[in-house]
């Protein structure tokens, strides 16, 4: 099977080019370097050997279905893949809709480390062969971590627990336990858990464990917890799936060390879709309990100073750059002298979040980081020139424009 791969340009190739120039070697070396550069370029393609299957493993990788291998389709797929990764990191299924995230998703390409295409073969409902192209994307871990910190996204720490799924299904012939041997029956639940950034385990299916079906059906969490003592950690996702009217219904309970964290019920026409809701509910409960918000500054308006502005073009460049930063929600000029310009910036995650974003871009260099202290309403839309001023001497972060 053939795969196309891509990788970001890196310093090795640039170093090879520089070295080749300095040594002024023969023409064949230039051609070799060009070939190396082409292979390392982001849009380059290469061949994978048979059996080397590209998959998205780990919290910083994702795979999404694509309609083709064109650049526009790939950029759209990068956005969807980054949304998946942020969802896995935070455990929050709505991470993509949090403030500031959408702007970064539109430029997701800059967070990509490498990617592969994979062709999946399956069968349609009629039994005919079907094919689906998947884009497997690997993101730069440090850059994504900085992004989550900058945008003040909650992060669900690693390593993550592997709860045991105790699910009984009654299709009309009596409830039966789903165990390791029947894992394919709950594939949608197991796969959804992976999409949400964790994994679910299944009981081995011993005679004693199969007898727990009654406890599952009546919602006896203590009895299920006792049966699950041989497994670690002491977390259980307890569910029963049964016929209801013309469709299905599912009742779920998530237990952490004997404490019920969440109960919920779902109904619908598809048993497969209902089983996936168990993994979603568990992830929501775990995220609510264990995800931690990064220690960035609070959102607010901060006075920030800039130097190195030698012309009107520099001022325009700085203003455009600040307006394009996701962490900057608004800005207002506050003070101008021949030596520096001060703005009141409405920052999503304080000066610390601002620092992280400008460090990544390399347009500004910090001269004095000052104190991460909001100046309150000064500079907010509607403030008047006569409003009380705040002495910001000694606390204003200062940056210089490259």
Protein backbone atom coordinates (compact mmCIF):
# COMPACT_ATOMS: atom_id res chain seq x y z
CA UNK A 1 0.00 0.00 0.00
CA UNK A 2 1.31 3.45 -0.89
CA UNK A 3 1.17 6.46 1.42
CA UNK A 4 2.06 10.10 0.90
CA UNK A 5 3.90 11.78 3.72
CA UNK A 6 4.85 15.33 4.60
CA UNK A 7 7.14 16.97 7.12
CA UNK A 8 7.90 20.52 8.20
CA UNK A 9 11.17 22.09 7.04
CA UNK A 10 13.82 21.73 9.71
CA UNK A 11 17.25 23.06 10.53
CA UNK A 12 19.06 19.97 9.21
CA UNK A 13 18.28 20.75 5.63
CA UNK A 14 19.08 24.46 5.99
CA UNK A 15 22.35 23.48 7.60
CA UNK A 16 23.08 21.11 4.73
CA UNK A 17 22.42 23.86 2.20
CA UNK A 18 24.63 26.32 4.06
CA UNK A 19 27.40 23.76 4.35
CA UNK A 20 27.19 22.91 0.70
CA UNK A 21 27.53 26.57 -0.22
CA UNK A 22 30.47 27.13 2.08
CA UNK A 23 32.37 24.20 0.63
CA UNK A 24 31.41 25.07 -2.96
CA UNK A 25 31.20 21.44 -3.91
CA UNK A 26 30.38 20.16 -7.34
CA UNK A 27 27.00 20.37 -9.01
CA UNK A 28 25.89 16.91 -7.99
CA UNK A 29 25.99 17.96 -4.31
CA UNK A 30 23.67 20.88 -5.06
CA UNK A 31 21.25 18.49 -6.72
CA UNK A 32 21.47 16.16 -3.71
CA UNK A 33 20.76 19.02 -1.33
CA UNK A 34 17.81 20.13 -3.40
CA UNK A 35 16.47 16.59 -3.21
CA UNK A 36 16.92 16.53 0.57
CA UNK A 37 15.12 19.87 0.84
CA UNK A 38 12.25 18.63 -1.29
CA UNK A 39 11.82 15.53 0.82
CA UNK A 40 11.81 17.59 4.01
CA UNK A 41 9.42 20.21 2.70
CA UNK A 42 5.93 20.30 4.08
CA UNK A 43 4.14 19.34 0.91
CA UNK A 44 6.54 16.64 -0.24
CA UNK A 45 5.49 13.06 -0.76
CA UNK A 46 7.34 9.80 -0.18
CA UNK A 47 6.66 6.08 -0.20
CA UNK A 48 5.88 3.91 2.80
CA UNK A 49 6.82 0.28 2.77
CA UNK A 50 4.13 -2.40 2.72
CA UNK A 51 2.72 -3.04 6.19
CA UNK A 52 3.86 0.31 7.64
CA UNK A 53 0.38 1.55 8.53
CA UNK A 54 0.02 5.23 9.40
CA UNK A 55 -2.06 5.73 12.54
CA UNK A 56 -2.72 8.55 14.98
CA UNK A 57 -1.44 7.45 18.37
CA UNK A 58 -1.17 9.68 21.40
CA UNK A 59 -2.82 12.88 22.54
CA UNK A 60 -1.02 15.10 20.01
CA UNK A 61 -1.97 13.16 16.89
CA UNK A 62 -5.27 12.88 15.04
CA UNK A 63 -6.72 11.45 11.85
CA UNK A 64 -9.54 12.87 9.77
CA UNK A 65 -11.25 11.79 6.57
CA UNK A 66 -10.49 13.88 3.48
CA UNK A 67 -11.94 14.11 -0.02
CA UNK A 68 -8.54 14.48 -1.72
CA UNK A 69 -4.89 15.40 -1.24
CA UNK A 70 -5.03 19.00 -2.47
CA UNK A 71 -3.58 21.84 -0.38
CA UNK A 72 -6.93 23.49 0.40
CA UNK A 73 -8.51 20.22 1.55
CA UNK A 74 -5.42 19.48 3.64
CA UNK A 75 -5.59 22.87 5.39
CA UNK A 76 -9.23 22.33 6.27
CA UNK A 77 -8.35 18.86 7.57
CA UNK A 78 -5.53 20.30 9.70
CA UNK A 79 -8.10 22.52 11.41
CA UNK A 80 -10.35 19.58 12.21
CA UNK A 81 -7.38 17.54 13.42
CA UNK A 82 -6.17 20.32 15.74
CA UNK A 83 -9.69 20.62 17.15
CA UNK A 84 -9.54 16.88 17.92
CA UNK A 85 -6.17 17.25 19.66
CA UNK A 86 -7.30 20.20 21.78
CA UNK A 87 -10.38 18.19 22.71
CA UNK A 88 -8.23 15.25 23.77
CA UNK A 89 -5.81 17.42 25.75
CA UNK A 90 -8.56 19.16 27.66
CA UNK A 91 -11.14 16.38 27.72
CA UNK A 92 -13.61 19.09 26.66
CA UNK A 93 -15.73 18.14 23.65
CA UNK A 94 -16.48 21.86 23.09
CA UNK A 95 -12.84 22.98 23.24
CA UNK A 96 -13.00 24.23 19.65
CA UNK A 97 -15.69 26.75 20.58
CA UNK A 98 -13.76 28.33 23.46
CA UNK A 99 -12.63 31.97 23.08
CA UNK A 100 -9.67 32.40 20.75
CA UNK A 101 -9.52 28.78 19.58
CA UNK A 102 -11.28 29.34 16.26
CA UNK A 103 -8.64 31.81 15.07
CA UNK A 104 -5.87 29.31 15.79
CA UNK A 105 -7.74 26.48 14.08
CA UNK A 106 -7.77 28.58 10.90
CA UNK A 107 -3.95 28.58 11.00
CA UNK A 108 -3.52 25.04 12.31
CA UNK A 109 -0.83 24.32 9.70
CA UNK A 110 1.81 26.13 11.77
CA UNK A 111 1.37 23.58 14.58
CA UNK A 112 1.82 20.54 12.33
CA UNK A 113 5.01 18.51 12.66
CA UNK A 114 4.27 15.91 9.97
CA UNK A 115 1.41 14.14 8.24
CA UNK A 116 0.55 11.01 6.23
CA UNK A 117 -2.27 9.87 3.99
CA UNK A 118 -3.79 6.45 4.44
CA UNK A 119 -6.27 4.60 2.23
CA UNK A 120 -8.83 2.57 4.18
CA UNK A 121 -10.78 -0.19 2.46
CA UNK A 122 -14.18 -1.32 3.66
CA UNK A 123 -17.53 -2.64 2.50
CA UNK A 124 -20.68 -0.70 1.71
CA UNK A 125 -24.14 -1.80 2.84
CA UNK A 126 -24.51 -3.68 -0.43
CA UNK A 127 -21.23 -5.51 0.10
CA UNK A 128 -19.31 -3.61 -2.58
CA UNK A 129 -15.76 -2.45 -1.77
CA UNK A 130 -15.51 1.11 -0.48
CA UNK A 131 -12.46 3.32 0.03
CA UNK A 132 -11.82 6.25 2.35
CA UNK A 133 -8.77 8.50 2.44
CA UNK A 134 -7.56 9.46 5.91
CA UNK A 135 -5.12 12.23 6.79
CA UNK A 136 -3.00 11.33 9.82
CA UNK A 137 -1.62 14.49 11.44
CA UNK A 138 1.11 14.74 14.07
CA UNK A 139 1.35 18.05 15.89
CA UNK A 140 4.29 19.68 17.61
CA UNK A 141 3.75 18.90 21.29
CA UNK A 142 5.51 21.97 22.71
CA UNK A 143 3.68 24.33 20.35
CA UNK A 144 0.29 22.82 21.18
CA UNK A 145 1.05 22.96 24.90
CA UNK A 146 1.93 26.65 24.54
CA UNK A 147 -1.30 27.22 22.62
CA UNK A 148 -3.39 25.59 25.35
CA UNK A 149 -1.60 27.67 27.96
CA UNK A 150 -1.95 30.88 25.96
CA UNK A 151 -5.69 30.37 25.49
CA UNK A 152 -6.14 29.26 29.12
CA UNK A 153 -7.60 25.90 28.07
CA UNK A 154 -8.03 23.39 30.88
CA UNK A 155 -5.65 20.45 30.52
CA UNK A 156 -6.46 16.90 31.60
CA UNK A 157 -3.08 15.61 32.91
CA UNK A 158 -1.32 12.53 31.59
CA UNK A 159 -1.19 9.62 32.25
CA UNK A 160 -4.93 9.07 32.26
CA UNK A 161 -6.93 6.34 33.96
CA UNK A 162 -8.44 3.40 32.11
CA UNK A 163 -11.90 2.79 33.61
CA UNK A 164 -13.54 -0.61 33.21
CA UNK A 165 -16.68 -0.72 31.07
CA UNK A 166 -19.35 -2.90 32.68
CA UNK A 167 -22.07 -2.96 30.04
CA UNK A 168 -25.05 -5.30 29.83
CA UNK A 169 -27.11 -5.45 26.63
CA UNK A 170 -30.64 -6.81 26.32
CA UNK A 171 -31.79 -7.10 22.70
CA UNK A 172 -34.98 -8.88 23.76
CA UNK A 173 -33.43 -12.20 24.75
CA UNK A 174 -32.22 -11.18 28.21
CA UNK A 175 -29.27 -9.04 29.41
CA UNK A 176 -25.74 -10.25 28.65
CA UNK A 177 -22.38 -8.90 29.77
CA UNK A 178 -19.99 -7.46 27.19
CA UNK A 179 -16.50 -8.79 27.87
CA UNK A 180 -13.14 -8.91 26.10
CA UNK A 181 -14.30 -11.65 23.74
CA UNK A 182 -17.20 -9.49 22.53
CA UNK A 183 -15.26 -6.22 22.32
CA UNK A 184 -16.34 -5.64 18.71
CA UNK A 185 -19.92 -5.23 19.92
CA UNK A 186 -18.90 -2.05 21.77
CA UNK A 187 -16.34 -0.79 19.28
CA UNK A 188 -18.12 2.58 19.04
CA UNK A 189 -17.72 3.06 22.81
CA UNK A 190 -14.04 2.09 22.83
CA UNK A 191 -13.25 4.24 19.78
CA UNK A 192 -15.09 7.26 21.16
CA UNK A 193 -13.07 7.01 24.37
CA UNK A 194 -9.86 7.15 22.33
CA UNK A 195 -11.19 10.19 20.46
CA UNK A 196 -11.80 11.85 23.83
CA UNK A 197 -8.24 11.15 24.97
CA UNK A 198 -8.49 8.08 27.18
CA UNK A 199 -9.17 4.32 26.97
CA UNK A 200 -11.73 1.94 28.40
CA UNK A 201 -11.06 -1.60 29.54
CA UNK A 202 -13.42 -4.60 29.57
CA UNK A 203 -13.84 -7.43 32.10
CA UNK A 204 -12.35 -10.79 31.15
CA UNK A 205 -15.76 -12.46 31.30
CA UNK A 206 -15.35 -15.09 33.99
CA UNK A 207 -18.42 -16.87 35.32
CA UNK A 208 -18.39 -14.68 38.43
CA UNK A 209 -18.20 -11.53 36.31
CA UNK A 210 -21.05 -12.63 34.06
CA UNK A 211 -23.15 -13.02 37.19
CA UNK A 212 -22.75 -9.26 37.80
CA UNK A 213 -25.31 -8.58 35.05
CA UNK A 214 -28.07 -8.43 37.67
CA UNK A 215 -26.21 -5.77 39.67
CA UNK A 216 -25.63 -3.78 36.49
CA UNK A 217 -29.31 -3.93 35.61
CA UNK A 218 -30.49 -2.66 38.98
CA UNK A 219 -27.73 -0.02 39.23
CA UNK A 220 -25.96 -1.58 42.23
CA UNK A 221 -22.67 0.33 41.95
CA UNK A 222 -21.20 -1.21 45.13
CA UNK A 223 -21.64 -4.76 43.81
CA UNK A 224 -20.08 -3.82 40.46
CA UNK A 225 -17.18 -2.12 42.26
CA UNK A 226 -16.52 -5.29 44.26
CA UNK A 227 -16.47 -7.37 41.09
CA UNK A 228 -14.05 -4.87 39.58
CA UNK A 229 -11.51 -4.96 42.43
CA UNK A 230 -9.05 -7.04 40.40
CA UNK A 231 -8.77 -4.22 37.87
CA UNK A 232 -6.99 -0.91 38.30
CA UNK A 233 -7.84 1.93 38.69
CA UNK A 234 -11.04 1.66 40.81
CA UNK A 235 -13.19 3.35 38.14
CA UNK A 236 -16.22 1.85 36.46
CA UNK A 237 -18.47 2.92 33.62
CA UNK A 238 -21.67 0.99 34.31
CA UNK A 239 -24.28 0.84 31.60
CA UNK A 240 -27.34 -1.05 30.42
CA UNK A 241 -28.60 -0.94 26.83
CA UNK A 242 -32.07 -2.19 26.02
CA UNK A 243 -34.93 -2.00 23.54
CA UNK A 244 -37.33 0.87 24.06
CA UNK A 245 -40.32 1.44 21.80
CA UNK A 246 -39.08 1.37 18.25
CA UNK A 247 -35.47 2.14 19.23
CA UNK A 248 -33.00 1.81 22.06
CA UNK A 249 -32.30 3.34 25.46
CA UNK A 250 -29.16 3.43 27.61
CA UNK A 251 -28.67 4.24 31.29
CA UNK A 252 -25.17 5.09 32.46
CA UNK A 253 -23.38 5.54 35.81
CA UNK A 254 -19.75 6.59 36.18
CA UNK A 255 -18.05 5.66 39.46
CA UNK A 256 -14.63 6.82 40.69
CA UNK A 257 -13.26 5.03 43.77
CA UNK A 258 -16.74 4.26 45.05
CA UNK A 259 -18.14 7.74 44.40
CA UNK A 260 -20.76 8.26 41.71
CA UNK A 261 -19.56 11.18 39.59
CA UNK A 262 -22.34 11.17 37.04
CA UNK A 263 -25.61 9.51 35.97
CA UNK A 264 -27.26 10.04 32.61
CA UNK A 265 -29.65 8.38 30.17
CA UNK A 266 -29.92 8.47 26.39
CA UNK A 267 -32.35 7.12 23.80
CA UNK A 268 -32.46 6.90 20.03
CA UNK A 269 -32.79 4.67 17.00
CA UNK A 270 -29.13 3.55 16.86
CA UNK A 271 -27.64 1.25 19.48
CA UNK A 272 -24.15 2.00 18.16
CA UNK A 273 -24.55 5.73 18.69
CA UNK A 274 -26.02 5.24 22.15
CA UNK A 275 -23.06 3.12 23.21
CA UNK A 276 -20.70 5.94 22.25
CA UNK A 277 -22.52 8.28 24.66
CA UNK A 278 -21.13 6.23 27.54
CA UNK A 279 -17.58 7.22 26.60
CA UNK A 280 -18.62 10.86 26.19
CA UNK A 281 -20.29 11.02 29.59
CA UNK A 282 -17.29 9.41 31.28
CA UNK A 283 -14.90 11.86 29.64
CA UNK A 284 -17.06 14.78 30.74
CA UNK A 285 -17.06 13.52 34.33
CA UNK A 286 -13.31 12.89 34.36
CA UNK A 287 -12.54 16.26 32.77
CA UNK A 288 -14.74 18.07 35.29
CA UNK A 289 -12.92 16.39 38.18
CA UNK A 290 -9.31 16.23 36.97
CA UNK A 291 -8.69 18.86 34.27
CA UNK A 292 -6.66 21.82 35.51
CA UNK A 293 -6.79 25.36 34.17
CA UNK A 294 -3.26 26.66 33.41
CA UNK A 295 -1.78 29.36 35.60
CA UNK A 296 -2.03 32.25 33.19
CA UNK A 297 -3.06 35.74 34.15
CA UNK A 298 -6.74 36.61 34.31
CA UNK A 299 -8.43 38.12 31.30
CA UNK A 300 -8.39 41.92 31.46
CA UNK A 301 -6.87 45.10 30.12
CA UNK A 302 -3.12 45.52 30.51
CA UNK A 303 -0.81 48.44 29.70
CA UNK A 304 2.02 47.24 27.43
CA UNK A 305 4.85 49.36 25.99
CA UNK A 306 6.76 48.93 22.73
CA UNK A 307 10.07 50.34 21.53
CA UNK A 308 12.03 50.11 18.29
CA UNK A 309 9.43 52.01 16.26
CA UNK A 310 11.50 54.10 13.84
CA UNK A 311 8.89 54.97 11.24
CA UNK A 312 5.20 55.09 10.48
CA UNK A 313 5.61 51.75 8.73
CA UNK A 314 6.86 50.24 11.98
CA UNK A 315 3.79 51.54 13.80
CA UNK A 316 1.47 50.11 11.15
CA UNK A 317 3.30 46.76 11.28
CA UNK A 318 3.07 46.62 15.08
CA UNK A 319 -0.63 47.54 15.10
CA UNK A 320 -1.43 44.93 12.47
CA UNK A 321 0.52 42.29 14.34
CA UNK A 322 -1.22 42.99 17.66
CA UNK A 323 -4.64 42.98 16.05
CA UNK A 324 -3.88 39.56 14.55
CA UNK A 325 -2.94 37.91 17.86
CA UNK A 326 -5.57 35.56 19.23
CA UNK A 327 -4.73 36.52 22.80
CA UNK A 328 -5.47 40.22 22.06
CA UNK A 329 -9.22 40.83 22.10
CA UNK A 330 -8.98 44.61 21.78
CA UNK A 331 -6.46 47.46 21.86
CA UNK A 332 -6.31 51.21 22.33
CA UNK A 333 -3.31 53.58 22.04
CA UNK A 334 -2.52 55.04 25.46
CA UNK A 335 0.75 56.97 25.23
CA UNK A 336 3.20 57.95 22.48
CA UNK A 337 6.71 59.39 22.85
CA UNK A 338 9.65 59.48 20.42
CA UNK A 339 11.12 56.53 22.33
CA UNK A 340 8.11 54.27 22.87
CA UNK A 341 4.43 53.55 22.27
CA UNK A 342 2.06 52.25 24.93
CA UNK A 343 -1.19 50.37 24.31
CA UNK A 344 -3.94 49.21 26.62
CA UNK A 345 -4.46 45.62 25.47
CA UNK A 346 -7.52 43.55 26.32
CA UNK A 347 -5.80 40.18 26.85
CA UNK A 348 -7.52 36.81 26.94
CA UNK A 349 -5.02 35.23 29.35
CA UNK A 350 -3.01 38.06 30.84
CA UNK A 351 0.54 39.10 30.09
CA UNK A 352 1.82 35.55 30.53
CA UNK A 353 -0.38 34.34 27.68
CA UNK A 354 0.75 37.33 25.62
CA UNK A 355 4.39 36.47 26.34
CA UNK A 356 3.97 32.91 25.13
CA UNK A 357 2.38 33.96 21.87
CA UNK A 358 4.93 36.64 20.99
CA UNK A 359 7.82 34.32 21.87
CA UNK A 360 6.49 31.82 19.36
CA UNK A 361 6.14 34.36 16.54
CA UNK A 362 9.47 36.13 16.93
CA UNK A 363 8.14 39.57 15.90
CA UNK A 364 8.69 41.10 19.35
CA UNK A 365 11.42 40.62 21.93
CA UNK A 366 10.74 41.16 25.64
CA UNK A 367 12.84 43.92 27.23
CA UNK A 368 11.05 43.99 30.58
CA UNK A 369 8.19 41.59 31.30
CA UNK A 370 6.86 43.79 34.10
CA UNK A 371 4.12 42.51 36.40
CA UNK A 372 1.18 40.45 35.17
CA UNK A 373 -1.35 42.85 36.70
CA UNK A 374 -4.50 44.07 34.99
CA UNK A 375 -5.09 47.83 35.04
CA UNK A 376 -8.85 47.29 35.21
CA UNK A 377 -11.25 49.34 33.12
CA UNK A 378 -8.70 51.85 31.85
CA UNK A 379 -8.37 51.42 28.11
CA UNK A 380 -11.60 49.50 27.71
CA UNK A 381 -14.03 50.70 25.06
CA UNK A 382 -15.97 53.64 26.46
CA UNK A 383 -13.21 54.97 28.71
CA UNK A 384 -12.90 58.76 28.48
CA UNK A 385 -9.73 60.88 28.40
CA UNK A 386 -10.73 62.42 31.73
CA UNK A 387 -11.01 59.08 33.50
CA UNK A 388 -8.69 58.50 36.44
CA UNK A 389 -5.26 57.46 35.27
CA UNK A 390 -3.20 54.71 36.83
CA UNK A 391 0.50 55.04 37.48
CA UNK A 392 1.95 52.08 35.60
CA UNK A 393 5.64 52.98 36.08
CA UNK A 394 7.66 49.93 37.00
CA UNK A 395 4.86 47.51 36.11
CA UNK A 396 4.49 47.95 32.36
CA UNK A 397 5.88 45.10 30.24
CA UNK A 398 8.16 46.44 27.50
CA UNK A 399 8.84 44.82 24.12
CA UNK A 400 10.94 45.87 21.18
CA UNK A 401 9.96 45.40 17.56
CA UNK A 402 12.39 43.31 15.52
